[in-house]
Amino acid sequence: MDNKQISQTDFQKLMLLLAEKRTAHTTLRSGIALCAFSMTIISFILLMTSKIEGSFDLIIFIALGTGSILMLALGIYFIRRGFTRMRFHDTLINQILYSNAEASSLFYHTRERNNFNQTDNTMHYDVVFHFDKGVAELEIAISNIENYFKGLSGKKFRAHLVVNGPGIKLLGKDDPHATQLTHLSNIGLQIQVCQNAITHFSIEQEWLLPSAQIVSSGLLEIIDLQRKGFAYIKP
């Protein structure tokens, strides 16, 4: 259930996460500045290569080049670290926003999303099916989805199948259920698989069902869909 008022704990978490995100943003900008400066020096060195006279000039240019390359590497490290930290903090911030209506209303992207959900009353049958186990559960899920599509024939709705955990091992393009899942995808089912599960079970993307879409976190995707009004069904 959504909280109507933001708690002191959530407020403090948001303030800390926003401060950390600003720090990550500063790291990102520093990395960009280092890369730009080092590239300028490297470009200058390349332009002046033909004018090198004597070993002293060569030593200076080598020193400048070495320093610029090290600076460029440091800049790339800062950029990568900044991006990684910003994405991490965004995920934690969104977790708070998704569970707290008042906090969500303070942020533009979630306020716009919530306003859309409040005014869009044309869809009443949006559903997310959650699958994370074995063959029996997958067959039940497929049967439920097929019945759902038949029961709502002619109606407007959105249906997602979110797969995470060990269930990912049954989403291969050569799996016995691939034909049924592909058919359901062709008639409107959105199949979404968890990147965390893919990484955990060392699955190659080429092995997956072609119609499957990869999401960063299956559980967060389910939470997001529920926040948008999707009903939750799990076999």
Protein backbone atom coordinates (compact mmCIF):
# COMPACT_ATOMS: atom_id res chain seq x y z
CA MET A 1 0.00 0.00 0.00
CA ASP A 2 1.29 3.48 -0.89
CA ASN A 3 2.13 5.87 1.95
CA LYS A 4 0.28 9.19 1.70
CA GLN A 5 2.92 11.08 3.64
CA ILE A 6 6.66 10.83 3.37
CA SER A 7 8.28 9.51 6.55
CA GLN A 8 11.23 11.19 8.20
CA THR A 9 13.38 8.15 7.39
CA ASP A 10 12.49 8.23 3.68
CA PHE A 11 13.06 12.00 3.60
CA GLN A 12 16.52 11.61 5.11
CA LYS A 13 17.32 8.79 2.68
CA LEU A 14 16.27 10.96 -0.27
CA MET A 15 18.41 13.86 0.93
CA LEU A 16 21.43 11.58 1.35
CA LEU A 17 20.92 9.91 -2.03
CA LEU A 18 20.49 13.26 -3.79
CA ALA A 19 23.69 14.54 -2.14
CA GLU A 20 25.53 11.40 -3.26
CA LYS A 21 24.11 11.81 -6.75
CA ARG A 22 25.41 15.38 -6.90
CA THR A 23 28.84 14.08 -5.90
CA ALA A 24 28.65 11.46 -8.65
CA HIS A 25 27.64 14.18 -11.12
CA THR A 26 30.67 16.24 -10.08
CA THR A 27 32.89 13.19 -10.62
CA LEU A 28 31.37 12.75 -14.08
CA ARG A 29 32.00 16.39 -15.01
CA SER A 30 35.57 16.18 -13.72
CA GLY A 31 36.15 13.14 -15.90
CA ILE A 32 34.79 14.94 -18.96
CA ALA A 33 37.03 17.94 -18.24
CA LEU A 34 40.11 15.72 -17.83
CA CYS A 35 39.39 13.91 -21.09
CA ALA A 36 38.86 17.16 -22.97
CA PHE A 37 42.07 18.71 -21.59
CA SER A 38 44.19 15.62 -22.25
CA MET A 39 42.83 15.28 -25.79
CA THR A 40 43.75 18.92 -26.42
CA ILE A 41 47.34 18.28 -25.33
CA ILE A 42 47.55 15.07 -27.40
CA SER A 43 46.25 16.93 -30.45
CA PHE A 44 48.87 19.64 -29.91
CA ILE A 45 51.63 17.03 -29.63
CA LEU A 46 50.53 15.36 -32.85
CA LEU A 47 50.50 18.68 -34.67
CA MET A 48 53.96 19.62 -33.40
CA THR A 49 55.61 16.23 -34.03
CA SER A 50 57.17 17.40 -37.30
CA LYS A 51 58.84 20.32 -35.52
CA ILE A 52 60.74 18.29 -32.94
CA GLU A 53 64.43 19.18 -32.99
CA GLY A 54 66.90 17.46 -30.75
CA SER A 55 66.63 14.98 -27.93
CA PHE A 56 65.56 17.62 -25.40
CA ASP A 57 62.42 18.46 -27.37
CA LEU A 58 61.74 14.76 -27.81
CA ILE A 59 61.97 14.16 -24.06
CA ILE A 60 59.55 17.02 -23.37
CA PHE A 61 57.04 15.73 -25.93
CA ILE A 62 57.29 12.19 -24.57
CA ALA A 63 56.70 13.47 -21.04
CA LEU A 64 53.71 15.53 -22.17
CA GLY A 65 52.30 12.61 -24.12
CA THR A 66 52.70 10.20 -21.23
CA GLY A 67 51.08 12.62 -18.82
CA SER A 68 48.21 13.25 -21.23
CA ILE A 69 47.55 9.55 -21.70
CA LEU A 70 47.51 9.02 -17.93
CA MET A 71 45.18 12.00 -17.57
CA LEU A 72 42.91 10.60 -20.29
CA ALA A 73 42.77 7.22 -18.53
CA LEU A 74 41.91 8.95 -15.25
CA GLY A 75 39.20 10.97 -16.99
CA ILE A 76 37.66 7.83 -18.47
CA TYR A 77 37.72 6.21 -15.01
CA PHE A 78 35.95 9.22 -13.48
CA ILE A 79 33.31 9.21 -16.23
CA ARG A 80 32.61 5.52 -15.77
CA ARG A 81 32.52 5.82 -11.99
CA GLY A 82 30.23 8.84 -12.19
CA PHE A 83 27.78 7.09 -14.49
CA THR A 84 27.78 3.93 -12.38
CA ARG A 85 27.15 5.79 -9.14
CA MET A 86 24.42 7.97 -10.67
CA ARG A 87 22.57 4.91 -11.99
CA PHE A 88 22.91 3.19 -8.61
CA HIS A 89 21.54 6.19 -6.73
CA ASP A 90 18.72 6.66 -9.28
CA THR A 91 17.61 3.07 -8.65
CA LEU A 92 17.48 3.60 -4.88
CA ILE A 93 15.69 6.94 -5.27
CA ASN A 94 13.06 5.38 -7.54
CA GLN A 95 12.46 2.59 -5.03
CA ILE A 96 11.46 5.23 -2.47
CA LEU A 97 9.39 7.20 -4.96
CA TYR A 98 7.48 4.14 -6.13
CA SER A 99 6.38 3.35 -2.57
CA ASN A 100 5.58 6.88 -1.40
CA ALA A 101 3.00 9.06 -3.15
CA GLU A 102 4.03 12.34 -1.51
CA ALA A 103 7.72 11.82 -2.27
CA SER A 104 6.83 10.84 -5.83
CA SER A 105 4.86 14.07 -6.33
CA LEU A 106 8.02 16.11 -5.60
CA PHE A 107 9.88 14.75 -8.63
CA TYR A 108 8.98 15.75 -12.16
CA HIS A 109 9.32 12.37 -13.90
CA THR A 110 7.25 10.48 -11.31
CA ARG A 111 4.68 13.29 -11.02
CA GLU A 112 4.11 13.17 -14.78
CA ARG A 113 3.80 9.39 -14.63
CA ASN A 114 1.32 9.53 -11.76
CA ASN A 115 -0.77 12.20 -13.48
CA PHE A 116 -0.93 10.02 -16.57
CA ASN A 117 -2.04 7.02 -14.54
CA GLN A 118 -4.74 9.04 -12.79
CA THR A 119 -6.22 10.44 -16.00
CA ASP A 120 -5.89 7.40 -18.26
CA ASN A 121 -8.97 5.32 -17.47
CA THR A 122 -9.33 3.60 -20.83
CA MET A 123 -7.43 0.44 -19.80
CA HIS A 124 -8.73 -1.73 -16.99
CA TYR A 125 -7.20 -5.12 -17.76
CA ASP A 126 -3.46 -4.46 -17.82
CA VAL A 127 -1.66 -7.41 -16.23
CA VAL A 128 1.84 -8.61 -15.38
CA PHE A 129 2.49 -12.34 -15.14
CA HIS A 130 5.47 -13.26 -12.98
CA PHE A 131 7.44 -16.46 -13.68
CA ASP A 132 10.58 -17.50 -11.79
CA LYS A 133 10.58 -21.29 -11.30
CA GLY A 134 10.27 -24.49 -13.35
CA VAL A 135 8.48 -26.22 -16.22
CA ALA A 136 5.20 -26.80 -14.40
CA GLU A 137 4.90 -23.13 -13.42
CA LEU A 138 5.78 -22.00 -16.95
CA GLU A 139 3.07 -24.22 -18.44
CA ILE A 140 0.54 -22.80 -15.97
CA ALA A 141 1.67 -19.27 -16.82
CA ILE A 142 1.33 -19.91 -20.57
CA SER A 143 -2.13 -21.42 -20.05
CA ASN A 144 -3.19 -18.43 -17.93
CA ILE A 145 -1.92 -15.99 -20.53
CA GLU A 146 -3.67 -17.81 -23.39
CA ASN A 147 -6.94 -17.83 -21.45
CA TYR A 148 -6.49 -14.17 -20.60
CA PHE A 149 -6.08 -13.19 -24.24
CA LYS A 150 -9.10 -15.31 -25.24
CA GLY A 151 -11.26 -13.89 -22.46
CA LEU A 152 -10.42 -10.30 -23.41
CA SER A 153 -10.67 -10.74 -27.16
CA GLY A 154 -11.65 -7.40 -28.69
CA LYS A 155 -10.75 -5.40 -25.57
CA LYS A 156 -7.80 -3.05 -25.19
CA PHE A 157 -5.22 -4.12 -22.62
CA ARG A 158 -1.49 -4.62 -22.04
CA ALA A 159 0.08 -7.87 -20.85
CA HIS A 160 3.64 -8.48 -19.64
CA LEU A 161 5.45 -11.67 -18.70
CA VAL A 162 8.37 -10.86 -16.41
CA VAL A 163 10.89 -13.68 -15.95
CA ASN A 164 13.61 -13.79 -13.32
CA GLY A 165 15.42 -16.30 -11.09
CA PRO A 166 15.80 -19.92 -12.32
CA GLY A 167 12.90 -19.34 -14.71
CA ILE A 168 15.33 -17.63 -17.07
CA LYS A 169 16.73 -21.05 -17.98
CA LEU A 170 13.46 -21.93 -19.78
CA LEU A 171 13.45 -18.83 -21.99
CA GLY A 172 15.83 -20.18 -24.62
CA LYS A 173 14.96 -19.91 -28.31
CA ASP A 174 15.21 -23.72 -28.62
CA ASP A 175 13.18 -24.50 -25.50
CA PRO A 176 10.06 -26.67 -26.09
CA HIS A 177 7.87 -23.73 -24.99
CA ALA A 178 9.52 -21.22 -27.35
CA THR A 179 6.86 -21.63 -30.05
CA GLN A 180 4.00 -20.88 -27.67
CA LEU A 181 5.80 -17.89 -26.17
CA THR A 182 6.66 -16.51 -29.60
CA HIS A 183 3.02 -16.81 -30.65
CA LEU A 184 1.88 -14.98 -27.52
CA SER A 185 4.49 -12.30 -28.17
CA ASN A 186 3.19 -11.89 -31.72
CA ILE A 187 -0.35 -11.23 -30.48
CA GLY A 188 0.71 -8.65 -27.89
CA LEU A 189 2.45 -10.21 -24.89
CA GLN A 190 5.61 -8.36 -23.83
CA ILE A 191 8.17 -10.83 -22.52
CA GLN A 192 10.76 -9.23 -20.22
CA VAL A 193 13.72 -11.06 -18.73
CA CYS A 194 15.90 -9.99 -15.81
CA GLN A 195 19.50 -8.97 -16.53
CA ASN A 196 20.50 -10.00 -13.01
CA ALA A 197 19.27 -13.55 -13.68
CA ILE A 198 21.02 -13.62 -17.05
CA THR A 199 24.28 -12.65 -15.38
CA HIS A 200 23.82 -15.04 -12.45
CA PHE A 201 23.22 -18.07 -14.67
CA SER A 202 25.85 -17.01 -17.26
CA ILE A 203 23.36 -16.96 -20.14
CA GLU A 204 24.36 -15.55 -23.53
CA GLN A 205 21.93 -13.08 -25.07
CA GLU A 206 21.99 -15.02 -28.37
CA TRP A 207 20.59 -18.05 -26.51
CA LEU A 208 17.46 -16.21 -25.43
CA LEU A 209 14.11 -16.14 -27.13
CA PRO A 210 14.39 -13.38 -29.79
CA SER A 211 11.16 -11.71 -28.67
CA ALA A 212 12.40 -11.36 -25.07
CA GLN A 213 13.30 -7.86 -23.87
CA ILE A 214 16.03 -7.49 -21.25
CA VAL A 215 15.32 -5.29 -18.22
CA SER A 216 17.86 -4.39 -15.57
CA SER A 217 15.85 -5.90 -12.70
CA GLY A 218 12.81 -8.14 -12.99
CA LEU A 219 11.56 -7.29 -9.50
CA LEU A 220 11.85 -3.54 -10.05
CA GLU A 221 10.04 -3.94 -13.38
CA ILE A 222 7.16 -5.70 -11.61
CA ILE A 223 7.00 -2.95 -8.98
CA ASP A 224 6.97 -0.30 -11.68
CA LEU A 225 4.18 -2.04 -13.60
CA GLN A 226 2.10 -2.42 -10.45
CA ARG A 227 2.55 1.27 -9.76
CA LYS A 228 1.14 1.89 -13.25
CA GLY A 229 -1.97 -0.11 -12.43
CA PHE A 230 -1.04 -3.56 -13.73
CA ALA A 231 -2.61 -6.50 -11.91
CA TYR A 232 -0.10 -9.06 -10.61
CA ILE A 233 -0.51 -12.79 -11.36
CA LYS A 234 1.93 -15.54 -10.41
CA PRO A 235 1.35 -19.28 -11.05
